[in-house]
Protein backbone atom coordinates (compact mmCIF):
# COMPACT_ATOMS: atom_id res chain seq x y z
CA MET A 1 43.73 48.81 202.49
CA LEU A 2 41.00 48.66 205.16
CA ASP A 3 43.40 50.52 208.74
CA LEU A 4 41.77 47.46 211.22
CA ASN A 5 42.47 49.94 213.95
CA ASP A 6 39.99 52.23 212.97
CA VAL A 7 37.42 49.61 212.00
CA ARG A 8 38.02 48.41 216.19
CA VAL A 9 37.67 52.08 217.04
CA PHE A 10 34.76 52.65 215.10
CA THR A 11 33.22 49.44 217.45
CA VAL A 12 34.06 50.49 220.72
CA VAL A 13 32.58 54.74 219.22
CA ALA A 14 29.51 52.93 218.50
CA ARG A 15 29.12 50.71 221.28
CA LYS A 16 30.26 53.69 223.68
CA GLY A 17 28.39 56.28 222.13
CA THR A 18 30.96 59.02 222.34
CA PHE A 19 34.40 59.73 221.40
CA SER A 20 35.60 60.57 224.68
CA ALA A 21 34.01 57.73 226.02
CA ALA A 22 36.04 55.32 223.24
CA GLY A 23 39.39 57.27 224.21
CA ARG A 24 39.11 56.44 227.90
CA GLU A 25 38.51 52.47 227.06
CA LEU A 26 40.87 52.30 224.58
CA ARG A 27 43.25 54.22 226.05
CA LEU A 28 43.55 57.03 223.52
CA PRO A 29 43.53 60.65 222.94
CA THR A 30 39.81 62.31 221.69
CA SER A 31 41.13 63.60 219.13
CA THR A 32 42.79 59.91 218.01
CA ILE A 33 39.61 58.43 217.86
CA ALA A 34 37.28 61.29 215.86
CA ARG A 35 40.65 60.85 213.67
CA ALA A 36 40.20 57.21 213.34
CA THR A 37 37.01 57.47 212.43
CA THR A 38 36.53 60.04 209.80
CA ARG A 39 39.02 58.29 208.16
CA LEU A 40 37.40 55.58 208.02
CA GLU A 41 34.00 57.43 206.38
CA LYS A 42 36.80 58.53 204.10
CA HIS A 43 37.93 55.14 203.09
CA LEU A 44 34.21 53.37 202.52
CA GLU A 45 32.87 56.92 201.18
CA VAL A 46 29.91 56.87 203.74
CA LEU A 47 28.80 58.58 206.74
CA LEU A 48 28.56 56.06 209.50
CA LEU A 49 27.98 58.19 212.55
CA ARG A 50 25.52 61.64 213.34
CA ARG A 51 28.06 63.65 215.48
CA SER A 52 25.90 65.82 218.14
CA PRO A 53 27.33 67.64 220.91
CA LYS A 54 25.93 64.75 223.45
CA GLY A 55 27.52 62.04 221.33
CA VAL A 56 27.26 59.81 218.43
CA SER A 57 24.27 57.92 216.72
CA LEU A 58 24.89 55.18 214.21
CA THR A 59 23.21 55.89 210.74
CA ASP A 60 21.61 52.99 208.67
CA ALA A 61 24.91 52.39 206.46
CA GLY A 62 26.67 52.62 210.21
CA THR A 63 24.66 49.97 211.98
CA GLU A 64 25.25 47.72 208.79
CA PHE A 65 28.38 47.75 208.96
CA LEU A 66 28.88 47.45 212.54
CA VAL A 67 27.47 43.92 212.03
CA SER A 68 30.16 42.95 209.97
CA CYS A 69 32.59 44.14 211.58
CA ASN A 70 32.06 42.91 214.73
CA GLN A 71 31.57 39.51 213.09
CA ALA A 72 35.23 40.30 211.23
CA LEU A 73 36.94 41.25 214.78
CA ARG A 74 35.53 38.58 216.38
CA THR A 75 36.46 35.30 213.72
CA ILE A 76 40.14 37.01 213.65
CA ARG A 77 40.23 37.12 217.96
CA ILE A 78 38.84 33.58 217.52
CA GLY A 79 41.74 32.48 215.01
CA SER A 80 44.23 34.20 217.02
CA GLU A 81 43.38 32.73 220.49
CA THR A 82 42.61 29.35 219.08
CA LEU A 83 46.72 29.48 217.43
CA GLN A 84 48.12 30.47 221.45
CA GLU A 85 45.69 27.89 223.03
CA ARG A 86 47.12 24.65 221.05
CA ARG A 87 50.51 25.63 222.68
CA VAL A 88 49.33 26.26 226.46
CA ASN A 89 46.12 25.81 228.79
CA PRO A 90 42.75 26.93 227.94
CA ARG A 91 42.92 30.67 228.06
CA GLY A 92 41.04 33.63 227.90
CA LEU A 93 37.77 35.97 228.50
CA ILE A 94 34.53 33.50 228.11
CA ARG A 95 31.71 36.05 226.97
CA VAL A 96 28.54 33.87 228.37
CA CYS A 97 24.20 35.20 228.32
CA SER A 98 21.80 33.19 230.77
CA PRO A 99 18.32 33.58 232.01
CA ILE A 100 19.05 35.47 235.18
CA VAL A 101 17.36 31.89 236.81
CA LEU A 102 20.35 29.62 235.56
CA ALA A 103 22.66 32.19 235.93
CA ASN A 104 22.10 32.31 239.83
CA GLY A 105 20.24 28.78 239.89
CA LEU A 106 23.67 26.58 238.56
CA LEU A 107 26.55 29.11 236.94
CA VAL A 108 27.34 31.06 240.18
CA GLN A 109 27.09 27.96 242.38
CA ILE A 110 29.74 25.76 240.00
CA LEU A 111 31.94 29.28 238.63
CA PRO A 112 34.36 28.72 241.66
CA ASP A 113 35.42 25.26 240.48
CA PHE A 114 35.37 25.93 237.10
CA LEU A 115 37.79 28.71 237.68
CA HIS A 116 39.65 27.36 239.97
CA LYS A 117 40.39 23.98 237.42
CA PHE A 118 41.73 26.69 234.85
CA PRO A 119 43.31 29.38 236.45
CA GLU A 120 43.55 31.21 233.05
CA ILE A 121 40.60 31.68 231.65
CA ARG A 122 37.93 34.32 232.83
CA ILE A 123 34.18 35.04 232.31
CA ALA A 124 31.87 37.70 231.51
CA ILE A 125 28.24 36.72 232.31
CA GLU A 126 25.18 38.69 231.19
CA THR A 127 21.79 37.89 232.23
CA TYR A 128 18.68 38.49 231.17
CA THR A 129 14.59 38.12 232.83
CA ASP A 130 12.75 39.94 230.22
CA ASP A 131 12.54 37.79 227.42
CA PHE A 132 13.15 33.61 227.43
CA GLU A 133 12.95 34.22 223.71
CA ARG A 134 16.09 36.44 222.94
CA GLU A 135 18.20 35.65 220.46
CA PRO A 136 21.96 35.43 220.90
CA ARG A 137 24.03 38.72 219.46
CA ASP A 138 27.80 38.13 217.86
CA ASP A 139 29.78 39.29 220.85
CA VAL A 140 28.31 36.29 222.59
CA ASP A 141 31.01 33.04 222.86
CA VAL A 142 27.68 31.00 224.57
CA PHE A 143 24.32 31.75 224.82
CA PHE A 144 22.43 30.01 227.19
CA LYS A 145 18.56 29.00 226.09
CA ILE A 146 15.95 27.80 228.10
CA VAL A 147 13.40 27.73 224.62
CA PRO A 148 14.30 25.75 221.88
CA PRO A 149 16.14 27.80 219.99
CA ARG A 150 15.33 29.70 216.00
CA ASP A 151 19.36 30.12 215.36
CA SER A 152 20.27 28.61 212.46
CA VAL A 153 23.82 29.94 212.26
CA ARG A 154 25.23 28.94 215.74
CA ARG A 155 26.09 25.38 216.89
CA MET A 156 24.46 23.62 219.80
CA ARG A 157 25.21 22.00 222.57
CA LYS A 158 22.10 19.79 224.44
CA PHE A 159 21.76 19.86 228.20
CA PRO A 160 18.91 17.31 229.70
CA SER A 161 15.66 19.32 230.02
CA THR A 162 14.17 20.28 233.03
CA LEU A 163 10.80 18.80 234.18
CA ARG A 164 8.22 20.49 235.33
CA GLY A 165 4.09 20.32 236.99
CA LEU A 166 1.33 22.42 237.63
CA PHE A 167 0.92 23.48 241.44
CA ALA A 168 -0.62 25.23 243.93
CA SER A 169 -0.42 26.46 246.98
CA ARG A 170 -2.71 24.33 249.87
CA GLU A 171 -4.16 27.50 250.83
CA TYR A 172 -4.95 28.25 247.37
CA VAL A 173 -6.79 25.00 246.88
CA GLN A 174 -8.90 24.87 249.98
CA ARG A 175 -10.16 28.44 249.49
CA VAL A 176 -10.91 27.85 245.22
CA GLY A 177 -10.76 24.55 244.66
CA LYS A 178 -8.40 22.11 242.28
CA PRO A 179 -9.01 21.78 238.39
CA ASP A 180 -10.21 18.14 237.29
CA ARG A 181 -9.18 19.33 233.00
CA PRO A 182 -6.97 21.19 231.60
CA GLY A 183 -9.97 23.45 230.43
CA GLU A 184 -10.66 23.57 233.41
CA LEU A 185 -7.28 25.91 234.76
CA LEU A 186 -9.21 29.04 232.77
CA ALA A 187 -11.50 29.30 235.44
CA HIS A 188 -8.53 29.85 237.83
CA ALA A 189 -5.89 32.23 239.15
CA CYS A 190 -3.22 31.86 236.66
CA ILE A 191 0.78 33.01 237.06
CA GLY A 192 3.07 32.93 234.46
CA ALA A 193 3.40 33.74 230.25
CA GLU A 194 2.02 32.42 226.72
CA THR A 195 0.16 29.17 226.62
CA TRP A 196 0.59 26.61 228.37
CA GLN A 197 1.45 23.32 226.29
CA LEU A 198 -0.24 19.71 228.31
CA THR A 199 0.26 16.69 227.12
CA ASN A 200 -0.98 13.49 229.37
CA GLY A 201 1.55 10.86 228.39
CA SER A 202 0.71 9.50 224.78
CA SER A 203 0.09 11.65 221.70
CA GLN A 204 -2.65 13.84 223.50
CA VAL A 205 -1.58 17.38 223.61
CA THR A 206 -3.53 20.38 225.07
CA GLU A 207 -3.03 24.14 224.68
CA VAL A 208 -4.94 26.30 227.91
CA ALA A 209 -4.24 30.24 227.40
CA PRO A 210 -4.95 31.08 230.94
CA THR A 211 -5.95 35.17 231.68
CA PHE A 212 -2.82 35.41 233.65
CA ARG A 213 -3.42 37.48 237.16
CA VAL A 214 0.70 38.20 237.29
CA THR A 215 2.31 37.63 233.98
CA THR A 216 6.41 36.31 234.45
CA CYS A 217 9.11 34.08 233.32
CA ASP A 218 10.98 34.12 236.01
CA PRO A 219 9.89 30.14 237.98
CA VAL A 220 11.38 31.73 241.08
CA VAL A 221 8.95 34.59 241.16
CA MET A 222 6.26 31.88 240.43
CA CYS A 223 7.55 29.57 243.31
CA ASP A 224 6.92 32.25 245.45
CA LEU A 225 3.35 33.93 244.09
CA VAL A 226 2.46 30.43 244.08
CA LEU A 227 3.42 30.30 248.25
CA ARG A 228 1.49 32.72 248.82
CA GLY A 229 -1.43 31.73 247.77
CA LEU A 230 -2.18 34.03 244.17
CA GLY A 231 -2.89 30.96 241.63
CA ILE A 232 -1.24 28.10 239.33
CA ALA A 233 2.26 27.81 238.16
CA ILE A 234 4.31 25.55 236.21
CA LEU A 235 7.26 25.31 238.11
CA PRO A 236 10.75 23.19 237.15
CA LEU A 237 10.06 19.58 239.84
CA TYR A 238 13.16 20.44 240.88
CA MET A 239 11.92 22.96 243.27
CA ALA A 240 8.99 22.68 243.87
CA ARG A 241 9.87 19.02 245.79
CA GLN A 242 12.45 20.87 247.29
CA PRO A 243 11.19 19.74 250.88
CA ALA A 244 10.46 22.86 252.16
CA ILE A 245 8.42 24.08 249.79
CA PHE A 246 6.83 20.70 248.59
CA ARG A 247 4.99 20.45 251.63
CA ARG A 248 3.48 23.58 251.65
CA LEU A 249 2.18 22.62 247.29
CA VAL A 250 -0.40 20.53 245.60
CA PRO A 251 0.56 19.01 242.57
CA LEU A 252 -2.91 19.93 239.89
CA LEU A 253 -3.61 17.27 237.31
CA PRO A 254 -1.27 14.83 237.54
CA GLN A 255 -1.67 12.93 234.07
CA TRP A 256 -1.55 16.11 232.31
CA HIS A 257 2.68 17.22 232.29
CA PRO A 258 3.88 20.48 231.30
CA ARG A 259 6.21 20.64 227.94
CA PRO A 260 9.71 20.62 229.76
CA ALA A 261 11.83 23.57 229.82
CA ILE A 262 14.78 22.84 226.94
CA ILE A 263 18.04 23.98 228.02
CA SER A 264 20.49 24.21 225.04
CA ALA A 265 24.02 26.71 224.77
CA LEU A 266 24.31 28.24 221.38
CA TYR A 267 27.88 29.37 219.98
CA PHE A 268 29.30 29.98 216.91
CA GLY A 269 30.77 27.28 214.95
CA PRO A 270 34.39 28.53 214.94
CA ALA A 271 33.83 28.73 218.51
CA ALA A 272 34.06 25.02 218.88
CA LEU A 273 38.10 25.24 217.65
CA ALA A 274 38.67 27.24 221.04
CA PRO A 275 39.65 25.25 223.94
CA LYS A 276 38.53 27.42 226.77
CA ILE A 277 34.51 27.01 225.08
CA LYS A 278 34.88 23.14 225.02
CA VAL A 279 36.42 23.10 228.16
CA PHE A 280 33.21 25.28 229.66
CA LEU A 281 30.98 23.16 228.02
CA ASP A 282 32.02 20.20 229.22
CA PHE A 283 32.35 21.09 231.98
CA VAL A 284 28.31 22.40 232.47
CA GLY A 285 27.66 19.31 230.74
CA GLU A 286 28.54 17.19 233.59
CA ILE A 287 26.67 18.87 236.26
CA LEU A 288 23.82 20.21 234.38
CA GLY A 289 20.82 17.44 235.04
CA THR A 290 22.79 15.22 237.37
CA ASP A 291 22.87 14.61 240.96
CA ARG A 292 25.59 16.89 240.93
CA ASP A 293 23.09 19.99 240.06
CA PRO A 294 22.90 22.50 242.85
CA ARG A 295 19.29 23.44 241.59
CA VAL A 296 18.43 19.99 243.28
CA ARG A 297 19.75 20.60 246.55
CA ASP A 298 17.82 18.10 249.42
CA ALA A 299 14.84 17.66 246.60
CA PRO A 300 14.75 13.45 245.34
CA PHE A 301 16.69 13.34 242.33
CA GLU A 302 14.81 10.84 240.82
CA GLY A 303 12.24 11.98 237.92
CA LEU A 304 13.33 15.94 238.02
CA PHE A 305 15.28 15.86 234.71
CA GLY A 306 14.46 14.25 230.89
CA LYS A 307 16.77 13.41 228.25
CA PRO A 308 18.99 16.63 226.40
CA ASP A 309 16.56 15.85 223.19
CA GLU A 310 13.70 15.35 224.69
CA ALA A 311 10.99 17.96 224.39
């Protein structure tokens, strides 16, 4: 029979990269870690790890096996937690992955109240900034995205979408002027990423592919650069309508609206049975996109967010 303890040791070695680092995490001697890994390879009759003086690396077979191990260990962990949480209050660790702009603007603001309400829950937050198209990993419980997910395995909880607009600074408009049509954006300095999709409120949709002066997905960075007069960007309305910011901005092409940012949380189906996941998503859902949303601050609330299914 396959020893699940050996499987768990293997996953930690694969993550840490050395037997000694895995031993420190598991509080086991390095020799025990090495024997468990060798025993697993002998049982499977395949080499999972390449050994070297600098550490270990996964073979192709090891990489494939690691995916199955993580999924299996996750299922076992969720099953064990679910049985326990049926009898007690929600507890345990929730692993959350979020775009850094959502983590800073929302999650860190509401987590104190959440953790006070559920004192036996712990949160591990991992942020990402480099690619909003990133897809979730198996070791993450809740994965927040700001673009439509391609994932078909996980369940999805939709939240109110974030409405956005085109803005430039008053300084930029005085110096360069304003575009009158979407196509004229190509002649302007723009800040952002990928193709801009704009709609005029009817069925008419146009796409613009600017040559960006600065390429970034982070709206905080975009807003700062726009205020410095560097160019035009698509900004979330909750940010652009802050009084201290809005008086320095000029809305552009008001009849044309950028596609809203679609905020969703992805999670594995079995996690829907875990009370800790449910109470976390419910708590976020009570705040995100409402007048209690900390990102709103002093901005007028009306017209900042769309319906959860608004694309």
